[in-house]
Amino acid sequence: MGAVLLAKKTGNPILPFTISPARFWSASKSWDQSQVPKPFTKALVVIAPPIEVAADADEATLEAKRNELQVALDGINERGDAWRAAAE
């Protein structure tokens, strides 16, 4: 919800994106399982359409925008994972 509230307050859109390296080291013990690309690996950058949040958005609209953001992030992550699997 933080990104949605920030977009509401600043008037700037949310631009969901992901970078999926073909080869990477994983911080498997960290809470977010961060990935560090290995040198000279290929990577796919996927950018979803911007998500605009109106300055006068109410709670229901904010929740809808949060859901829209989650769907966009899930979609681009799946696309990146599929690309990585095909690259192997």
PDB file of N, CA and C in Angstrom:
ATOM      1  N   MET A   1       0.828  -1.196   0.000  1.00  0.00           N
ATOM      2  CA  MET A   1       0.000   0.000   0.000  1.00  0.00           C
ATOM      3  C   MET A   1       0.872   1.259   0.000  1.00  0.00           C
ATOM      4  N   GLY A   2       2.118   1.134   0.448  1.00  0.00           N
ATOM      5  CA  GLY A   2       2.998   2.297   0.513  1.00  0.00           C
ATOM      6  C   GLY A   2       3.203   2.967  -0.830  1.00  0.00           C
ATOM      7  N   ALA A   3       3.432   2.176  -1.860  1.00  0.00           N
ATOM      8  CA  ALA A   3       3.643   2.748  -3.199  1.00  0.00           C
ATOM      9  C   ALA A   3       2.379   3.455  -3.690  1.00  0.00           C
ATOM     10  N   VAL A   4       1.226   2.896  -3.375  1.00  0.00           N
ATOM     11  CA  VAL A   4      -0.046   3.491  -3.796  1.00  0.00           C
ATOM     12  C   VAL A   4      -0.256   4.824  -3.088  1.00  0.00           C
ATOM     13  N   LEU A   5      -0.006   4.866  -1.804  1.00  0.00           N
ATOM     14  CA  LEU A   5      -0.160   6.122  -1.062  1.00  0.00           C
ATOM     15  C   LEU A   5       0.831   7.178  -1.534  1.00  0.00           C
ATOM     16  N   LEU A   6       2.045   6.765  -1.838  1.00  0.00           N
ATOM     17  CA  LEU A   6       3.046   7.702  -2.351  1.00  0.00           C
ATOM     18  C   LEU A   6       2.625   8.261  -3.707  1.00  0.00           C
ATOM     19  N   ALA A   7       2.074   7.409  -4.558  1.00  0.00           N
ATOM     20  CA  ALA A   7       1.591   7.873  -5.865  1.00  0.00           C
ATOM     21  C   ALA A   7       0.438   8.862  -5.686  1.00  0.00           C
ATOM     22  N   LYS A   8      -0.430   8.592  -4.732  1.00  0.00           N
ATOM     23  CA  LYS A   8      -1.555   9.503  -4.464  1.00  0.00           C
ATOM     24  C   LYS A   8      -1.050  10.869  -4.015  1.00  0.00           C
ATOM     25  N   LYS A   9      -0.095  10.870  -3.102  1.00  0.00           N
ATOM     26  CA  LYS A   9       0.385  12.133  -2.534  1.00  0.00           C
ATOM     27  C   LYS A   9       1.259  12.940  -3.503  1.00  0.00           C
ATOM     28  N   THR A  10       2.045  12.247  -4.342  1.00  0.00           N
ATOM     29  CA  THR A  10       2.960  12.965  -5.231  1.00  0.00           C
ATOM     30  C   THR A  10       2.362  13.265  -6.601  1.00  0.00           C
ATOM     31  N   GLY A  11       1.340  12.499  -6.994  1.00  0.00           N
ATOM     32  CA  GLY A  11       0.773  12.670  -8.327  1.00  0.00           C
ATOM     33  C   GLY A  11       1.569  11.939  -9.400  1.00  0.00           C
ATOM     34  N   ASN A  12       2.613  11.235  -8.998  1.00  0.00           N
ATOM     35  CA  ASN A  12       3.410  10.455  -9.947  1.00  0.00           C
ATOM     36  C   ASN A  12       2.857   9.034 -10.046  1.00  0.00           C
ATOM     37  N   PRO A  13       2.908   8.456 -11.246  1.00  0.00           N
ATOM     38  CA  PRO A  13       2.391   7.089 -11.389  1.00  0.00           C
ATOM     39  C   PRO A  13       3.360   6.059 -10.814  1.00  0.00           C
ATOM     40  N   ILE A  14       2.837   4.871 -10.557  1.00  0.00           N
ATOM     41  CA  ILE A  14       3.651   3.728 -10.153  1.00  0.00           C
ATOM     42  C   ILE A  14       4.068   3.034 -11.444  1.00  0.00           C
ATOM     43  N   LEU A  15       5.330   2.707 -11.585  1.00  0.00           N
ATOM     44  CA  LEU A  15       5.816   2.015 -12.772  1.00  0.00           C
ATOM     45  C   LEU A  15       6.376   0.652 -12.351  1.00  0.00           C
ATOM     46  N   PRO A  16       5.524  -0.384 -12.384  1.00  0.00           N
ATOM     47  CA  PRO A  16       6.000  -1.712 -11.983  1.00  0.00           C
ATOM     48  C   PRO A  16       7.001  -2.258 -13.000  1.00  0.00           C
ATOM     49  N   PHE A  17       8.110  -2.803 -12.506  1.00  0.00           N
ATOM     50  CA  PHE A  17       9.091  -3.411 -13.405  1.00  0.00           C
ATOM     51  C   PHE A  17       9.832  -4.515 -12.679  1.00  0.00           C
ATOM     52  N   THR A  18      10.459  -5.372 -13.461  1.00  0.00           N
ATOM     53  CA  THR A  18      11.296  -6.423 -12.898  1.00  0.00           C
ATOM     54  C   THR A  18      12.494  -6.629 -13.811  1.00  0.00           C
ATOM     55  N   ILE A  19      13.579  -7.072 -13.218  1.00  0.00           N
ATOM     56  CA  ILE A  19      14.776  -7.442 -13.964  1.00  0.00           C
ATOM     57  C   ILE A  19      15.076  -8.888 -13.606  1.00  0.00           C
ATOM     58  N   SER A  20      15.064  -9.760 -14.611  1.00  0.00           N
ATOM     59  CA  SER A  20      15.272 -11.196 -14.385  1.00  0.00           C
ATOM     60  C   SER A  20      16.583 -11.631 -15.025  1.00  0.00           C
ATOM     61  N   PRO A  21      17.640 -11.813 -14.230  1.00  0.00           N
ATOM     62  CA  PRO A  21      18.903 -12.284 -14.794  1.00  0.00           C
ATOM     63  C   PRO A  21      18.823 -13.780 -15.100  1.00  0.00           C
ATOM     64  N   ALA A  22      19.496 -14.203 -16.167  1.00  0.00           N
ATOM     65  CA  ALA A  22      19.514 -15.623 -16.519  1.00  0.00           C
ATOM     66  C   ALA A  22      20.287 -16.430 -15.476  1.00  0.00           C
ATOM     67  N   ARG A  23      21.395 -15.865 -14.988  1.00  0.00           N
ATOM     68  CA  ARG A  23      22.211 -16.541 -13.972  1.00  0.00           C
ATOM     69  C   ARG A  23      22.441 -15.567 -12.832  1.00  0.00           C
ATOM     70  N   PHE A  24      22.297 -16.067 -11.617  1.00  0.00           N
ATOM     71  CA  PHE A  24      22.430 -15.183 -10.456  1.00  0.00           C
ATOM     72  C   PHE A  24      22.799 -15.975  -9.217  1.00  0.00           C
ATOM     73  N   TRP A  25      23.311 -15.248  -8.230  1.00  0.00           N
ATOM     74  CA  TRP A  25      23.502 -15.791  -6.899  1.00  0.00           C
ATOM     75  C   TRP A  25      22.274 -15.381  -6.093  1.00  0.00           C
ATOM     76  N   SER A  26      21.816 -16.257  -5.218  1.00  0.00           N
ATOM     77  CA  SER A  26      20.636 -15.964  -4.419  1.00  0.00           C
ATOM     78  C   SER A  26      21.003 -15.901  -2.946  1.00  0.00           C
ATOM     79  N   ALA A  27      20.485 -14.892  -2.275  1.00  0.00           N
ATOM     80  CA  ALA A  27      20.650 -14.782  -0.823  1.00  0.00           C
ATOM     81  C   ALA A  27      19.502 -15.569  -0.200  1.00  0.00           C
ATOM     82  N   SER A  28      19.621 -16.882  -0.218  1.00  0.00           N
ATOM     83  CA  SER A  28      18.509 -17.754   0.171  1.00  0.00           C
ATOM     84  C   SER A  28      18.107 -17.614   1.632  1.00  0.00           C
ATOM     85  N   LYS A  29      19.004 -17.140   2.464  1.00  0.00           N
ATOM     86  CA  LYS A  29      18.661 -16.995   3.877  1.00  0.00           C
ATOM     87  C   LYS A  29      18.035 -15.644   4.201  1.00  0.00           C
ATOM     88  N   SER A  30      17.977 -14.740   3.230  1.00  0.00           N
ATOM     89  CA  SER A  30      17.373 -13.435   3.500  1.00  0.00           C
ATOM     90  C   SER A  30      15.854 -13.535   3.334  1.00  0.00           C
ATOM     91  N   TRP A  31      15.145 -12.611   3.931  1.00  0.00           N
ATOM     92  CA  TRP A  31      13.682 -12.646   3.902  1.00  0.00           C
ATOM     93  C   TRP A  31      13.145 -12.451   2.482  1.00  0.00           C
ATOM     94  N   ASP A  32      13.864 -11.721   1.633  1.00  0.00           N
ATOM     95  CA  ASP A  32      13.361 -11.455   0.280  1.00  0.00           C
ATOM     96  C   ASP A  32      14.057 -12.278  -0.800  1.00  0.00           C
ATOM     97  N   GLN A  33      14.980 -13.139  -0.422  1.00  0.00           N
ATOM     98  CA  GLN A  33      15.724 -13.986  -1.364  1.00  0.00           C
ATOM     99  C   GLN A  33      16.287 -13.159  -2.524  1.00  0.00           C
ATOM    100  N   SER A  34      17.006 -12.105  -2.173  1.00  0.00           N
ATOM    101  CA  SER A  34      17.602 -11.205  -3.162  1.00  0.00           C
ATOM    102  C   SER A  34      18.460 -11.968  -4.161  1.00  0.00           C
ATOM    103  N   GLN A  35      18.478 -11.447  -5.382  1.00  0.00           N
ATOM    104  CA  GLN A  35      19.274 -12.048  -6.443  1.00  0.00           C
ATOM    105  C   GLN A  35      20.349 -11.056  -6.882  1.00  0.00           C
ATOM    106  N   VAL A  36      21.560 -11.557  -7.038  1.00  0.00           N
ATOM    107  CA  VAL A  36      22.669 -10.751  -7.538  1.00  0.00           C
ATOM    108  C   VAL A  36      23.094 -11.360  -8.870  1.00  0.00           C
ATOM    109  N   PRO A  37      22.931 -10.626  -9.978  1.00  0.00           N
ATOM    110  CA  PRO A  37      23.297 -11.185 -11.280  1.00  0.00           C
ATOM    111  C   PRO A  37      24.774 -11.560 -11.345  1.00  0.00           C
ATOM    112  N   LYS A  38      25.061 -12.691 -11.985  1.00  0.00           N
ATOM    113  CA  LYS A  38      26.451 -13.086 -12.197  1.00  0.00           C
ATOM    114  C   LYS A  38      27.024 -12.250 -13.331  1.00  0.00           C
ATOM    115  N   PRO A  39      28.335 -12.023 -13.326  1.00  0.00           N
ATOM    116  CA  PRO A  39      28.946 -11.201 -14.374  1.00  0.00           C
ATOM    117  C   PRO A  39      28.650 -11.749 -15.775  1.00  0.00           C
ATOM    118  N   PHE A  40      28.378 -10.841 -16.686  1.00  0.00           N
ATOM    119  CA  PHE A  40      28.177 -11.110 -18.109  1.00  0.00           C
ATOM    120  C   PHE A  40      26.929 -11.931 -18.423  1.00  0.00           C
ATOM    121  N   THR A  41      26.006 -12.060 -17.471  1.00  0.00           N
ATOM    122  CA  THR A  41      24.784 -12.795 -17.743  1.00  0.00           C
ATOM    123  C   THR A  41      23.812 -11.923 -18.535  1.00  0.00           C
ATOM    124  N   LYS A  42      22.902 -12.562 -19.222  1.00  0.00           N
ATOM    125  CA  LYS A  42      21.827 -11.841 -19.902  1.00  0.00           C
ATOM    126  C   LYS A  42      20.716 -11.607 -18.884  1.00  0.00           C
ATOM    127  N   ALA A  43      19.920 -10.571 -19.137  1.00  0.00           N
ATOM    128  CA  ALA A  43      18.796 -10.269 -18.249  1.00  0.00           C
ATOM    129  C   ALA A  43      17.632  -9.746 -19.080  1.00  0.00           C
ATOM    130  N   LEU A  44      16.447 -10.014 -18.599  1.00  0.00           N
ATOM    131  CA  LEU A  44      15.224  -9.510 -19.224  1.00  0.00           C
ATOM    132  C   LEU A  44      14.645  -8.430 -18.321  1.00  0.00           C
ATOM    133  N   VAL A  45      14.347  -7.278 -18.908  1.00  0.00           N
ATOM    134  CA  VAL A  45      13.689  -6.200 -18.183  1.00  0.00           C
ATOM    135  C   VAL A  45      12.253  -6.135 -18.685  1.00  0.00           C
ATOM    136  N   VAL A  46      11.301  -6.247 -17.776  1.00  0.00           N
ATOM    137  CA  VAL A  46       9.886  -6.180 -18.137  1.00  0.00           C
ATOM    138  C   VAL A  46       9.275  -5.009 -17.380  1.00  0.00           C
ATOM    139  N   ILE A  47       8.606  -4.129 -18.118  1.00  0.00           N
ATOM    140  CA  ILE A  47       7.970  -2.957 -17.529  1.00  0.00           C
ATOM    141  C   ILE A  47       6.473  -3.034 -17.809  1.00  0.00           C
ATOM    142  N   ALA A  48       5.681  -2.964 -16.763  1.00  0.00           N
ATOM    143  CA  ALA A  48       4.224  -2.973 -16.902  1.00  0.00           C
ATOM    144  C   ALA A  48       3.736  -1.545 -17.141  1.00  0.00           C
ATOM    145  N   PRO A  49       2.510  -1.409 -17.629  1.00  0.00           N
ATOM    146  CA  PRO A  49       1.966  -0.051 -17.817  1.00  0.00           C
ATOM    147  C   PRO A  49       1.897   0.717 -16.496  1.00  0.00           C
ATOM    148  N   PRO A  50       2.073   2.034 -16.563  1.00  0.00           N
ATOM    149  CA  PRO A  50       2.010   2.848 -15.340  1.00  0.00           C
ATOM    150  C   PRO A  50       0.633   2.747 -14.679  1.00  0.00           C
ATOM    151  N   ILE A  51       0.635   2.867 -13.370  1.00  0.00           N
ATOM    152  CA  ILE A  51      -0.613   2.855 -12.603  1.00  0.00           C
ATOM    153  C   ILE A  51      -0.785   4.238 -11.986  1.00  0.00           C
ATOM    154  N   GLU A  52      -1.821   4.944 -12.422  1.00  0.00           N
ATOM    155  CA  GLU A  52      -2.117   6.288 -11.921  1.00  0.00           C
ATOM    156  C   GLU A  52      -3.025   6.186 -10.701  1.00  0.00           C
ATOM    157  N   VAL A  53      -2.773   7.019  -9.710  1.00  0.00           N
ATOM    158  CA  VAL A  53      -3.619   7.087  -8.512  1.00  0.00           C
ATOM    159  C   VAL A  53      -4.033   8.544  -8.342  1.00  0.00           C
ATOM    160  N   ALA A  54      -5.340   8.782  -8.357  1.00  0.00           N
ATOM    161  CA  ALA A  54      -5.862  10.146  -8.243  1.00  0.00           C
ATOM    162  C   ALA A  54      -5.606  10.704  -6.846  1.00  0.00           C
ATOM    163  N   ALA A  55      -5.410  11.999  -6.780  1.00  0.00           N
ATOM    164  CA  ALA A  55      -5.142  12.664  -5.499  1.00  0.00           C
ATOM    165  C   ALA A  55      -6.325  12.573  -4.546  1.00  0.00           C
ATOM    166  N   ASP A  56      -7.523  12.409  -5.099  1.00  0.00           N
ATOM    167  CA  ASP A  56      -8.722  12.330  -4.251  1.00  0.00           C
ATOM    168  C   ASP A  56      -9.235  10.896  -4.101  1.00  0.00           C
ATOM    169  N   ALA A  57      -8.375   9.911  -4.318  1.00  0.00           N
ATOM    170  CA  ALA A  57      -8.778   8.505  -4.242  1.00  0.00           C
ATOM    171  C   ALA A  57      -9.223   8.147  -2.824  1.00  0.00           C
ATOM    172  N   ASP A  58     -10.353   7.444  -2.727  1.00  0.00           N
ATOM    173  CA  ASP A  58     -10.845   6.996  -1.419  1.00  0.00           C
ATOM    174  C   ASP A  58     -10.257   5.619  -1.076  1.00  0.00           C
ATOM    175  N   GLU A  59     -10.623   5.088   0.087  1.00  0.00           N
ATOM    176  CA  GLU A  59     -10.063   3.813   0.551  1.00  0.00           C
ATOM    177  C   GLU A  59     -10.336   2.668  -0.420  1.00  0.00           C
ATOM    178  N   ALA A  60     -11.528   2.610  -0.968  1.00  0.00           N
ATOM    179  CA  ALA A  60     -11.874   1.538  -1.912  1.00  0.00           C
ATOM    180  C   ALA A  60     -11.027   1.632  -3.173  1.00  0.00           C
ATOM    181  N   THR A  61     -10.819   2.844  -3.660  1.00  0.00           N
ATOM    182  CA  THR A  61      -9.991   3.048  -4.853  1.00  0.00           C
ATOM    183  C   THR A  61      -8.541   2.695  -4.561  1.00  0.00           C
ATOM    184  N   LEU A  62      -8.057   3.074  -3.387  1.00  0.00           N
ATOM    185  CA  LEU A  62      -6.680   2.746  -3.015  1.00  0.00           C
ATOM    186  C   LEU A  62      -6.477   1.233  -2.957  1.00  0.00           C
ATOM    187  N   GLU A  63      -7.439   0.516  -2.395  1.00  0.00           N
ATOM    188  CA  GLU A  63      -7.345  -0.942  -2.326  1.00  0.00           C
ATOM    189  C   GLU A  63      -7.385  -1.553  -3.727  1.00  0.00           C
ATOM    190  N   ALA A  64      -8.210  -0.992  -4.600  1.00  0.00           N
ATOM    191  CA  ALA A  64      -8.275  -1.475  -5.984  1.00  0.00           C
ATOM    192  C   ALA A  64      -6.944  -1.236  -6.697  1.00  0.00           C
ATOM    193  N   LYS A  65      -6.316  -0.101  -6.466  1.00  0.00           N
ATOM    194  CA  LYS A  65      -5.020   0.199  -7.078  1.00  0.00           C
ATOM    195  C   LYS A  65      -3.931  -0.712  -6.516  1.00  0.00           C
ATOM    196  N   ARG A  66      -4.010  -1.022  -5.222  1.00  0.00           N
ATOM    197  CA  ARG A  66      -3.051  -1.956  -4.623  1.00  0.00           C
ATOM    198  C   ARG A  66      -3.196  -3.337  -5.261  1.00  0.00           C
ATOM    199  N   ASN A  67      -4.423  -3.756  -5.469  1.00  0.00           N
ATOM    200  CA  ASN A  67      -4.657  -5.042  -6.139  1.00  0.00           C
ATOM    201  C   ASN A  67      -4.159  -5.012  -7.583  1.00  0.00           C
ATOM    202  N   GLU A  68      -4.379  -3.892  -8.269  1.00  0.00           N
ATOM    203  CA  GLU A  68      -3.895  -3.740  -9.651  1.00  0.00           C
ATOM    204  C   GLU A  68      -2.367  -3.846  -9.692  1.00  0.00           C
ATOM    205  N   LEU A  69      -1.708  -3.219  -8.730  1.00  0.00           N
ATOM    206  CA  LEU A  69      -0.250  -3.282  -8.640  1.00  0.00           C
ATOM    207  C   LEU A  69       0.212  -4.713  -8.387  1.00  0.00           C
ATOM    208  N   GLN A  70      -0.456  -5.417  -7.480  1.00  0.00           N
ATOM    209  CA  GLN A  70      -0.068  -6.793  -7.167  1.00  0.00           C
ATOM    210  C   GLN A  70      -0.222  -7.698  -8.385  1.00  0.00           C
ATOM    211  N   VAL A  71      -1.319  -7.543  -9.122  1.00  0.00           N
ATOM    212  CA  VAL A  71      -1.537  -8.340 -10.331  1.00  0.00           C
ATOM    213  C   VAL A  71      -0.450  -8.037 -11.369  1.00  0.00           C
ATOM    214  N   ALA A  72      -0.120  -6.760 -11.531  1.00  0.00           N
ATOM    215  CA  ALA A  72       0.926  -6.374 -12.489  1.00  0.00           C
ATOM    216  C   ALA A  72       2.275  -6.977 -12.090  1.00  0.00           C
ATOM    217  N   LEU A  73       2.627  -6.890 -10.819  1.00  0.00           N
ATOM    218  CA  LEU A  73       3.908  -7.438 -10.353  1.00  0.00           C
ATOM    219  C   LEU A  73       3.950  -8.958 -10.508  1.00  0.00           C
ATOM    220  N   ASP A  74       2.857  -9.631 -10.155  1.00  0.00           N
ATOM    221  CA  ASP A  74       2.812 -11.087 -10.321  1.00  0.00           C
ATOM    222  C   ASP A  74       2.983 -11.468 -11.791  1.00  0.00           C
ATOM    223  N   GLY A  75       2.321 -10.714 -12.679  1.00  0.00           N
ATOM    224  CA  GLY A  75       2.404 -11.006 -14.113  1.00  0.00           C
ATOM    225  C   GLY A  75       3.798 -10.824 -14.681  1.00  0.00           C
ATOM    226  N   ILE A  76       4.452  -9.728 -14.335  1.00  0.00           N
ATOM    227  CA  ILE A  76       5.783  -9.504 -14.900  1.00  0.00           C
ATOM    228  C   ILE A  76       6.804 -10.451 -14.280  1.00  0.00           C
ATOM    229  N   ASN A  77       6.616 -10.831 -13.012  1.00  0.00           N
ATOM    230  CA  ASN A  77       7.514 -11.818 -12.403  1.00  0.00           C
ATOM    231  C   ASN A  77       7.354 -13.184 -13.070  1.00  0.00           C
ATOM    232  N   GLU A  78       6.124 -13.572 -13.366  1.00  0.00           N
ATOM    233  CA  GLU A  78       5.894 -14.844 -14.068  1.00  0.00           C
ATOM    234  C   GLU A  78       6.543 -14.809 -15.455  1.00  0.00           C
ATOM    235  N   ARG A  79       6.422 -13.683 -16.123  1.00  0.00           N
ATOM    236  CA  ARG A  79       7.036 -13.554 -17.453  1.00  0.00           C
ATOM    237  C   ARG A  79       8.561 -13.680 -17.365  1.00  0.00           C
ATOM    238  N   GLY A  80       9.153 -13.052 -16.367  1.00  0.00           N
ATOM    239  CA  GLY A  80      10.596 -13.153 -16.164  1.00  0.00           C
ATOM    240  C   GLY A  80      11.029 -14.564 -15.821  1.00  0.00           C
ATOM    241  N   ASP A  81      10.261 -15.244 -14.966  1.00  0.00           N
ATOM    242  CA  ASP A  81      10.585 -16.626 -14.598  1.00  0.00           C
ATOM    243  C   ASP A  81      10.487 -17.558 -15.804  1.00  0.00           C
ATOM    244  N   ALA A  82       9.476 -17.341 -16.654  1.00  0.00           N
ATOM    245  CA  ALA A  82       9.316 -18.169 -17.852  1.00  0.00           C
ATOM    246  C   ALA A  82      10.482 -17.945 -18.816  1.00  0.00           C
ATOM    247  N   TRP A  83      10.925 -16.689 -18.953  1.00  0.00           N
ATOM    248  CA  TRP A  83      12.064 -16.385 -19.817  1.00  0.00           C
ATOM    249  C   TRP A  83      13.318 -17.068 -19.291  1.00  0.00           C
ATOM    250  N   ARG A  84      13.520 -16.990 -17.972  1.00  0.00           N
ATOM    251  CA  ARG A  84      14.703 -17.612 -17.374  1.00  0.00           C
ATOM    252  C   ARG A  84      14.677 -19.127 -17.582  1.00  0.00           C
ATOM    253  N   ALA A  85      13.538 -19.748 -17.425  1.00  0.00           N
ATOM    254  CA  ALA A  85      13.428 -21.202 -17.609  1.00  0.00           C
ATOM    255  C   ALA A  85      13.709 -21.584 -19.052  1.00  0.00           C
ATOM    256  N   ALA A  86      13.260 -20.777 -19.999  1.00  0.00           N
ATOM    257  CA  ALA A  86      13.518 -21.068 -21.414  1.00  0.00           C
ATOM    258  C   ALA A  86      14.974 -20.822 -21.780  1.00  0.00           C
ATOM    259  N   ALA A  87      15.652 -19.950 -21.053  1.00  0.00           N
ATOM    260  CA  ALA A  87      17.055 -19.628 -21.344  1.00  0.00           C
ATOM    261  C   ALA A  87      18.006 -20.708 -20.865  1.00  0.00           C
ATOM    262  N   GLU A  88      17.536 -21.580 -19.981  1.00  0.00           N
ATOM    263  CA  GLU A  88      18.420 -22.619 -19.416  1.00  0.00           C
ATOM    264  C   GLU A  88      18.701 -23.705 -20.387  1.00  0.00           C
TER     265      GLU A  88
END
